[in-house]
Amino acid sequence: MKHKDNLTWREAILNVLLDHEQTEVTLSQIYSEISHYRELTPNDLQFTYGQRNYTHKIRRILTDMIRNNEVIRTKKGTYVLNNRLK
């Protein structure tokens, strides 16, 4: 899929969340839409522990964003930008 820019992982995740600013975003939506903003490398597409490497990166970055109060996890596997709730 053609990506808009080759952004950092964090910027790409933020852009996916901004695309759905009015709604909650599921983890599976983030996985499927991340390639719109970031080119997935062959290493990203390799499997580790039964999942593609990029899914581990996305979850780790989302965890950091939650700790920094940038993103809110509304329920299991569902996220929303914190500033939308203010």
PDB file of N, CA and C in Angstrom:
ATOM      1  N   MET A   1       0.837  -1.182   0.000  1.00  0.00           N
ATOM      2  CA  MET A   1       0.000   0.000   0.000  1.00  0.00           C
ATOM      3  C   MET A   1       0.878   1.241   0.000  1.00  0.00           C
ATOM      4  N   LYS A   2       0.466   2.254  -0.691  1.00  0.00           N
ATOM      5  CA  LYS A   2       1.219   3.503  -0.774  1.00  0.00           C
ATOM      6  C   LYS A   2       1.053   4.275   0.533  1.00  0.00           C
ATOM      7  N   HIS A   3       2.172   4.701   1.119  1.00  0.00           N
ATOM      8  CA  HIS A   3       2.126   5.458   2.363  1.00  0.00           C
ATOM      9  C   HIS A   3       2.276   6.943   2.072  1.00  0.00           C
ATOM     10  N   LYS A   4       1.670   7.780   2.899  1.00  0.00           N
ATOM     11  CA  LYS A   4       1.719   9.229   2.689  1.00  0.00           C
ATOM     12  C   LYS A   4       3.130   9.751   2.945  1.00  0.00           C
ATOM     13  N   ASP A   5       3.698   9.380   4.038  1.00  0.00           N
ATOM     14  CA  ASP A   5       5.044   9.778   4.445  1.00  0.00           C
ATOM     15  C   ASP A   5       5.648   8.603   5.184  1.00  0.00           C
ATOM     16  N   ASN A   6       6.956   8.618   5.295  1.00  0.00           N
ATOM     17  CA  ASN A   6       7.582   7.591   6.115  1.00  0.00           C
ATOM     18  C   ASN A   6       7.880   8.210   7.478  1.00  0.00           C
ATOM     19  N   LEU A   7       6.832   8.340   8.266  1.00  0.00           N
ATOM     20  CA  LEU A   7       6.922   8.980   9.568  1.00  0.00           C
ATOM     21  C   LEU A   7       7.547   8.037  10.592  1.00  0.00           C
ATOM     22  N   THR A   8       7.898   8.595  11.758  1.00  0.00           N
ATOM     23  CA  THR A   8       8.327   7.747  12.860  1.00  0.00           C
ATOM     24  C   THR A   8       7.126   6.911  13.300  1.00  0.00           C
ATOM     25  N   TRP A   9       7.393   5.870  14.047  1.00  0.00           N
ATOM     26  CA  TRP A   9       6.298   5.012  14.521  1.00  0.00           C
ATOM     27  C   TRP A   9       5.297   5.819  15.339  1.00  0.00           C
ATOM     28  N   ARG A  10       5.792   6.648  16.241  1.00  0.00           N
ATOM     29  CA  ARG A  10       4.913   7.437  17.102  1.00  0.00           C
ATOM     30  C   ARG A  10       4.051   8.396  16.269  1.00  0.00           C
ATOM     31  N   GLU A  11       4.662   9.091  15.316  1.00  0.00           N
ATOM     32  CA  GLU A  11       3.916  10.007  14.461  1.00  0.00           C
ATOM     33  C   GLU A  11       2.872   9.277  13.624  1.00  0.00           C
ATOM     34  N   ALA A  12       3.225   8.095  13.146  1.00  0.00           N
ATOM     35  CA  ALA A  12       2.283   7.311  12.340  1.00  0.00           C
ATOM     36  C   ALA A  12       1.075   6.890  13.176  1.00  0.00           C
ATOM     37  N   ILE A  13       1.326   6.456  14.410  1.00  0.00           N
ATOM     38  CA  ILE A  13       0.229   6.063  15.308  1.00  0.00           C
ATOM     39  C   ILE A  13      -0.657   7.270  15.606  1.00  0.00           C
ATOM     40  N   LEU A  14      -0.046   8.421  15.887  1.00  0.00           N
ATOM     41  CA  LEU A  14      -0.829   9.639  16.139  1.00  0.00           C
ATOM     42  C   LEU A  14      -1.700   9.994  14.942  1.00  0.00           C
ATOM     43  N   ASN A  15      -1.169   9.853  13.736  1.00  0.00           N
ATOM     44  CA  ASN A  15      -1.949  10.160  12.546  1.00  0.00           C
ATOM     45  C   ASN A  15      -3.137   9.218  12.380  1.00  0.00           C
ATOM     46  N   VAL A  16      -2.942   7.951  12.682  1.00  0.00           N
ATOM     47  CA  VAL A  16      -4.068   7.006  12.619  1.00  0.00           C
ATOM     48  C   VAL A  16      -5.135   7.423  13.628  1.00  0.00           C
ATOM     49  N   LEU A  17      -4.720   7.772  14.847  1.00  0.00           N
ATOM     50  CA  LEU A  17      -5.680   8.201  15.862  1.00  0.00           C
ATOM     51  C   LEU A  17      -6.375   9.497  15.448  1.00  0.00           C
ATOM     52  N   LEU A  18      -5.639  10.409  14.834  1.00  0.00           N
ATOM     53  CA  LEU A  18      -6.243  11.665  14.372  1.00  0.00           C
ATOM     54  C   LEU A  18      -7.247  11.436  13.250  1.00  0.00           C
ATOM     55  N   ASP A  19      -7.001  10.436  12.418  1.00  0.00           N
ATOM     56  CA  ASP A  19      -7.956  10.102  11.358  1.00  0.00           C
ATOM     57  C   ASP A  19      -9.310   9.705  11.925  1.00  0.00           C
ATOM     58  N   HIS A  20      -9.310   9.206  13.157  1.00  0.00           N
ATOM     59  CA  HIS A  20     -10.536   8.743  13.822  1.00  0.00           C
ATOM     60  C   HIS A  20     -10.810   9.600  15.055  1.00  0.00           C
ATOM     61  N   GLU A  21     -10.571  10.874  14.937  1.00  0.00           N
ATOM     62  CA  GLU A  21     -10.630  11.781  16.083  1.00  0.00           C
ATOM     63  C   GLU A  21     -11.969  11.740  16.818  1.00  0.00           C
ATOM     64  N   GLN A  22     -13.038  11.500  16.119  1.00  0.00           N
ATOM     65  CA  GLN A  22     -14.359  11.516  16.740  1.00  0.00           C
ATOM     66  C   GLN A  22     -14.767  10.164  17.327  1.00  0.00           C
ATOM     67  N   THR A  23     -13.957   9.132  17.096  1.00  0.00           N
ATOM     68  CA  THR A  23     -14.329   7.805  17.566  1.00  0.00           C
ATOM     69  C   THR A  23     -13.142   7.105  18.207  1.00  0.00           C
ATOM     70  N   GLU A  24     -13.449   6.039  18.896  1.00  0.00           N
ATOM     71  CA  GLU A  24     -12.405   5.190  19.452  1.00  0.00           C
ATOM     72  C   GLU A  24     -11.798   4.367  18.323  1.00  0.00           C
ATOM     73  N   VAL A  25     -10.535   4.004  18.479  1.00  0.00           N
ATOM     74  CA  VAL A  25      -9.818   3.238  17.466  1.00  0.00           C
ATOM     75  C   VAL A  25      -9.376   1.920  18.077  1.00  0.00           C
ATOM     76  N   THR A  26      -9.671   0.828  17.389  1.00  0.00           N
ATOM     77  CA  THR A  26      -9.235  -0.472  17.888  1.00  0.00           C
ATOM     78  C   THR A  26      -7.798  -0.736  17.467  1.00  0.00           C
ATOM     79  N   LEU A  27      -7.165  -1.619  18.186  1.00  0.00           N
ATOM     80  CA  LEU A  27      -5.797  -2.002  17.881  1.00  0.00           C
ATOM     81  C   LEU A  27      -5.705  -2.594  16.477  1.00  0.00           C
ATOM     82  N   SER A  28      -6.682  -3.370  16.074  1.00  0.00           N
ATOM     83  CA  SER A  28      -6.661  -3.953  14.731  1.00  0.00           C
ATOM     84  C   SER A  28      -6.765  -2.879  13.652  1.00  0.00           C
ATOM     85  N   GLN A  29      -7.506  -1.787  13.912  1.00  0.00           N
ATOM     86  CA  GLN A  29      -7.573  -0.669  12.961  1.00  0.00           C
ATOM     87  C   GLN A  29      -6.204  -0.001  12.832  1.00  0.00           C
ATOM     88  N   ILE A  30      -5.538   0.181  13.956  1.00  0.00           N
ATOM     89  CA  ILE A  30      -4.205   0.788  13.928  1.00  0.00           C
ATOM     90  C   ILE A  30      -3.259  -0.084  13.126  1.00  0.00           C
ATOM     91  N   TYR A  31      -3.293  -1.400  13.378  1.00  0.00           N
ATOM     92  CA  TYR A  31      -2.439  -2.324  12.624  1.00  0.00           C
ATOM     93  C   TYR A  31      -2.688  -2.214  11.124  1.00  0.00           C
ATOM     94  N   SER A  32      -3.940  -2.158  10.731  1.00  0.00           N
ATOM     95  CA  SER A  32      -4.249  -2.163   9.298  1.00  0.00           C
ATOM     96  C   SER A  32      -3.990  -0.815   8.624  1.00  0.00           C
ATOM     97  N   GLU A  33      -4.031   0.280   9.383  1.00  0.00           N
ATOM     98  CA  GLU A  33      -3.882   1.603   8.786  1.00  0.00           C
ATOM     99  C   GLU A  33      -2.488   2.208   8.948  1.00  0.00           C
ATOM    100  N   ILE A  34      -1.622   1.580   9.720  1.00  0.00           N
ATOM    101  CA  ILE A  34      -0.295   2.146   9.973  1.00  0.00           C
ATOM    102  C   ILE A  34       0.503   2.285   8.688  1.00  0.00           C
ATOM    103  N   SER A  35       0.272   1.405   7.728  1.00  0.00           N
ATOM    104  CA  SER A  35       1.038   1.447   6.477  1.00  0.00           C
ATOM    105  C   SER A  35       0.665   2.646   5.604  1.00  0.00           C
ATOM    106  N   HIS A  36      -0.391   3.368   5.960  1.00  0.00           N
ATOM    107  CA  HIS A  36      -0.725   4.595   5.244  1.00  0.00           C
ATOM    108  C   HIS A  36       0.296   5.686   5.549  1.00  0.00           C
ATOM    109  N   TYR A  37       0.963   5.568   6.682  1.00  0.00           N
ATOM    110  CA  TYR A  37       1.879   6.603   7.150  1.00  0.00           C
ATOM    111  C   TYR A  37       3.323   6.150   7.268  1.00  0.00           C
ATOM    112  N   ARG A  38       3.543   4.864   7.239  1.00  0.00           N
ATOM    113  CA  ARG A  38       4.889   4.351   7.434  1.00  0.00           C
ATOM    114  C   ARG A  38       5.089   3.126   6.572  1.00  0.00           C
ATOM    115  N   GLU A  39       6.211   3.098   5.868  1.00  0.00           N
ATOM    116  CA  GLU A  39       6.537   1.940   5.060  1.00  0.00           C
ATOM    117  C   GLU A  39       6.996   0.809   5.974  1.00  0.00           C
ATOM    118  N   LEU A  40       6.392  -0.357   5.807  1.00  0.00           N
ATOM    119  CA  LEU A  40       6.768  -1.506   6.619  1.00  0.00           C
ATOM    120  C   LEU A  40       7.928  -2.222   5.942  1.00  0.00           C
ATOM    121  N   THR A  41       9.000  -2.397   6.682  1.00  0.00           N
ATOM    122  CA  THR A  41      10.195  -3.045   6.160  1.00  0.00           C
ATOM    123  C   THR A  41      10.038  -4.562   6.227  1.00  0.00           C
ATOM    124  N   PRO A  42      10.894  -5.301   5.537  1.00  0.00           N
ATOM    125  CA  PRO A  42      10.843  -6.763   5.658  1.00  0.00           C
ATOM    126  C   PRO A  42      10.975  -7.238   7.108  1.00  0.00           C
ATOM    127  N   ASN A  43      11.792  -6.537   7.909  1.00  0.00           N
ATOM    128  CA  ASN A  43      11.918  -6.904   9.320  1.00  0.00           C
ATOM    129  C   ASN A  43      10.606  -6.676  10.073  1.00  0.00           C
ATOM    130  N   ASP A  44       9.904  -5.600   9.746  1.00  0.00           N
ATOM    131  CA  ASP A  44       8.614  -5.316  10.389  1.00  0.00           C
ATOM    132  C   ASP A  44       7.610  -6.427  10.120  1.00  0.00           C
ATOM    133  N   LEU A  45       7.714  -7.050   8.950  1.00  0.00           N
ATOM    134  CA  LEU A  45       6.750  -8.067   8.546  1.00  0.00           C
ATOM    135  C   LEU A  45       7.112  -9.475   9.008  1.00  0.00           C
ATOM    136  N   GLN A  46       8.301  -9.637   9.583  1.00  0.00           N
ATOM    137  CA  GLN A  46       8.689 -10.943  10.110  1.00  0.00           C
ATOM    138  C   GLN A  46       7.883 -11.250  11.371  1.00  0.00           C
ATOM    139  N   PHE A  47       7.779 -12.525  11.680  1.00  0.00           N
ATOM    140  CA  PHE A  47       7.012 -12.963  12.844  1.00  0.00           C
ATOM    141  C   PHE A  47       7.919 -13.210  14.042  1.00  0.00           C
ATOM    142  N   THR A  48       7.490 -12.747  15.208  1.00  0.00           N
ATOM    143  CA  THR A  48       8.124 -13.038  16.487  1.00  0.00           C
ATOM    144  C   THR A  48       7.003 -13.364  17.465  1.00  0.00           C
ATOM    145  N   TYR A  49       7.124 -14.491  18.143  1.00  0.00           N
ATOM    146  CA  TYR A  49       6.095 -14.937  19.090  1.00  0.00           C
ATOM    147  C   TYR A  49       4.711 -14.983  18.447  1.00  0.00           C
ATOM    148  N   GLY A  50       4.657 -15.365  17.175  1.00  0.00           N
ATOM    149  CA  GLY A  50       3.387 -15.560  16.485  1.00  0.00           C
ATOM    150  C   GLY A  50       2.743 -14.316  15.920  1.00  0.00           C
ATOM    151  N   GLN A  51       3.392 -13.161  16.077  1.00  0.00           N
ATOM    152  CA  GLN A  51       2.836 -11.918  15.533  1.00  0.00           C
ATOM    153  C   GLN A  51       3.909 -11.170  14.775  1.00  0.00           C
ATOM    154  N   ARG A  52       3.480 -10.344  13.833  1.00  0.00           N
ATOM    155  CA  ARG A  52       4.440  -9.556  13.065  1.00  0.00           C
ATOM    156  C   ARG A  52       5.155  -8.563  13.986  1.00  0.00           C
ATOM    157  N   ASN A  53       6.417  -8.303  13.679  1.00  0.00           N
ATOM    158  CA  ASN A  53       7.230  -7.429  14.528  1.00  0.00           C
ATOM    159  C   ASN A  53       6.617  -6.047  14.723  1.00  0.00           C
ATOM    160  N   TYR A  54       5.988  -5.498  13.691  1.00  0.00           N
ATOM    161  CA  TYR A  54       5.462  -4.138  13.838  1.00  0.00           C
ATOM    162  C   TYR A  54       4.324  -4.076  14.855  1.00  0.00           C
ATOM    163  N   THR A  55       3.611  -5.173  15.083  1.00  0.00           N
ATOM    164  CA  THR A  55       2.537  -5.135  16.079  1.00  0.00           C
ATOM    165  C   THR A  55       3.104  -4.978  17.484  1.00  0.00           C
ATOM    166  N   HIS A  56       4.262  -5.585  17.740  1.00  0.00           N
ATOM    167  CA  HIS A  56       4.918  -5.424  19.044  1.00  0.00           C
ATOM    168  C   HIS A  56       5.344  -3.968  19.243  1.00  0.00           C
ATOM    169  N   LYS A  57       5.887  -3.347  18.187  1.00  0.00           N
ATOM    170  CA  LYS A  57       6.299  -1.940  18.267  1.00  0.00           C
ATOM    171  C   LYS A  57       5.115  -1.031  18.559  1.00  0.00           C
ATOM    172  N   ILE A  58       4.019  -1.256  17.862  1.00  0.00           N
ATOM    173  CA  ILE A  58       2.837  -0.415  18.044  1.00  0.00           C
ATOM    174  C   ILE A  58       2.324  -0.515  19.479  1.00  0.00           C
ATOM    175  N   ARG A  59       2.220  -1.723  20.007  1.00  0.00           N
ATOM    176  CA  ARG A  59       1.735  -1.883  21.384  1.00  0.00           C
ATOM    177  C   ARG A  59       2.674  -1.236  22.397  1.00  0.00           C
ATOM    178  N   ARG A  60       3.997  -1.356  22.188  1.00  0.00           N
ATOM    179  CA  ARG A  60       4.962  -0.751  23.102  1.00  0.00           C
ATOM    180  C   ARG A  60       4.826   0.770  23.083  1.00  0.00           C
ATOM    181  N   ILE A  61       4.702   1.351  21.898  1.00  0.00           N
ATOM    182  CA  ILE A  61       4.585   2.804  21.779  1.00  0.00           C
ATOM    183  C   ILE A  61       3.263   3.288  22.363  1.00  0.00           C
ATOM    184  N   LEU A  62       2.182   2.557  22.136  1.00  0.00           N
ATOM    185  CA  LEU A  62       0.894   2.931  22.736  1.00  0.00           C
ATOM    186  C   LEU A  62       0.982   2.914  24.260  1.00  0.00           C
ATOM    187  N   THR A  63       1.677   1.936  24.812  1.00  0.00           N
ATOM    188  CA  THR A  63       1.854   1.869  26.266  1.00  0.00           C
ATOM    189  C   THR A  63       2.585   3.109  26.766  1.00  0.00           C
ATOM    190  N   ASP A  64       3.643   3.522  26.075  1.00  0.00           N
ATOM    191  CA  ASP A  64       4.366   4.739  26.450  1.00  0.00           C
ATOM    192  C   ASP A  64       3.472   5.976  26.334  1.00  0.00           C
ATOM    193  N   MET A  65       2.660   6.024  25.282  1.00  0.00           N
ATOM    194  CA  MET A  65       1.769   7.166  25.087  1.00  0.00           C
ATOM    195  C   MET A  65       0.700   7.218  26.177  1.00  0.00           C
ATOM    196  N   ILE A  66       0.250   6.079  26.641  1.00  0.00           N
ATOM    197  CA  ILE A  66      -0.718   6.033  27.749  1.00  0.00           C
ATOM    198  C   ILE A  66      -0.062   6.541  29.021  1.00  0.00           C
ATOM    199  N   ARG A  67       1.165   6.095  29.283  1.00  0.00           N
ATOM    200  CA  ARG A  67       1.890   6.555  30.481  1.00  0.00           C
ATOM    201  C   ARG A  67       2.106   8.059  30.474  1.00  0.00           C
ATOM    202  N   ASN A  68       2.264   8.636  29.269  1.00  0.00           N
ATOM    203  CA  ASN A  68       2.474  10.076  29.125  1.00  0.00           C
ATOM    204  C   ASN A  68       1.162  10.854  28.980  1.00  0.00           C
ATOM    205  N   ASN A  69       0.041  10.184  29.186  1.00  0.00           N
ATOM    206  CA  ASN A  69      -1.294  10.787  29.107  1.00  0.00           C
ATOM    207  C   ASN A  69      -1.604  11.398  27.739  1.00  0.00           C
ATOM    208  N   GLU A  70      -0.997  10.873  26.689  1.00  0.00           N
ATOM    209  CA  GLU A  70      -1.299  11.332  25.335  1.00  0.00           C
ATOM    210  C   GLU A  70      -2.474  10.551  24.750  1.00  0.00           C
ATOM    211  N   VAL A  71      -2.622   9.311  25.179  1.00  0.00           N
ATOM    212  CA  VAL A  71      -3.650   8.408  24.676  1.00  0.00           C
ATOM    213  C   VAL A  71      -4.339   7.771  25.870  1.00  0.00           C
ATOM    214  N   ILE A  72      -5.632   7.521  25.725  1.00  0.00           N
ATOM    215  CA  ILE A  72      -6.406   6.843  26.768  1.00  0.00           C
ATOM    216  C   ILE A  72      -6.874   5.510  26.224  1.00  0.00           C
ATOM    217  N   ARG A  73      -6.668   4.460  27.005  1.00  0.00           N
ATOM    218  CA  ARG A  73      -7.197   3.148  26.652  1.00  0.00           C
ATOM    219  C   ARG A  73      -8.583   3.055  27.266  1.00  0.00           C
ATOM    220  N   THR A  74      -9.603   3.078  26.418  1.00  0.00           N
ATOM    221  CA  THR A  74     -10.975   3.115  26.914  1.00  0.00           C
ATOM    222  C   THR A  74     -11.482   1.743  27.329  1.00  0.00           C
ATOM    223  N   LYS A  75     -11.024   0.718  26.652  1.00  0.00           N
ATOM    224  CA  LYS A  75     -11.291  -0.659  27.023  1.00  0.00           C
ATOM    225  C   LYS A  75     -10.233  -1.510  26.336  1.00  0.00           C
ATOM    226  N   LYS A  76     -10.241  -2.779  26.567  1.00  0.00           N
ATOM    227  CA  LYS A  76      -9.186  -3.630  26.022  1.00  0.00           C
ATOM    228  C   LYS A  76      -9.076  -3.480  24.508  1.00  0.00           C
ATOM    229  N   GLY A  77      -7.890  -3.052  24.050  1.00  0.00           N
ATOM    230  CA  GLY A  77      -7.620  -2.932  22.622  1.00  0.00           C
ATOM    231  C   GLY A  77      -8.306  -1.769  21.932  1.00  0.00           C
ATOM    232  N   THR A  78      -8.775  -0.766  22.701  1.00  0.00           N
ATOM    233  CA  THR A  78      -9.460   0.392  22.122  1.00  0.00           C
ATOM    234  C   THR A  78      -8.861   1.664  22.702  1.00  0.00           C
ATOM    235  N   TYR A  79      -8.531   2.605  21.811  1.00  0.00           N
ATOM    236  CA  TYR A  79      -7.791   3.796  22.217  1.00  0.00           C
ATOM    237  C   TYR A  79      -8.434   5.054  21.658  1.00  0.00           C
ATOM    238  N   VAL A  80      -8.150   6.178  22.332  1.00  0.00           N
ATOM    239  CA  VAL A  80      -8.622   7.486  21.888  1.00  0.00           C
ATOM    240  C   VAL A  80      -7.569   8.502  22.332  1.00  0.00           C
ATOM    241  N   LEU A  81      -7.404   9.573  21.554  1.00  0.00           N
ATOM    242  CA  LEU A  81      -6.480  10.630  21.943  1.00  0.00           C
ATOM    243  C   LEU A  81      -6.995  11.316  23.195  1.00  0.00           C
ATOM    244  N   ASN A  82      -6.115  11.642  24.111  1.00  0.00           N
ATOM    245  CA  ASN A  82      -6.496  12.259  25.364  1.00  0.00           C
ATOM    246  C   ASN A  82      -7.135  13.623  25.159  1.00  0.00           C
ATOM    247  N   ASN A  83      -6.627  14.430  24.231  1.00  0.00           N
ATOM    248  CA  ASN A  83      -7.163  15.778  24.058  1.00  0.00           C
ATOM    249  C   ASN A  83      -8.600  15.788  23.548  1.00  0.00           C
ATOM    250  N   ARG A  84      -9.074  14.670  22.999  1.00  0.00           N
ATOM    251  CA  ARG A  84     -10.475  14.609  22.555  1.00  0.00           C
ATOM    252  C   ARG A  84     -11.432  14.629  23.740  1.00  0.00           C
ATOM    253  N   LEU A  85     -10.983  14.170  24.884  1.00  0.00           N
ATOM    254  CA  LEU A  85     -11.850  14.090  26.060  1.00  0.00           C
ATOM    255  C   LEU A  85     -11.844  15.361  26.883  1.00  0.00           C
ATOM    256  N   LYS A  86     -10.932  16.279  26.584  1.00  0.00           N
ATOM    257  CA  LYS A  86     -10.839  17.520  27.364  1.00  0.00           C
ATOM    258  C   LYS A  86     -11.872  18.531  26.906  1.00  0.00           C
TER     259      LYS A  86
END
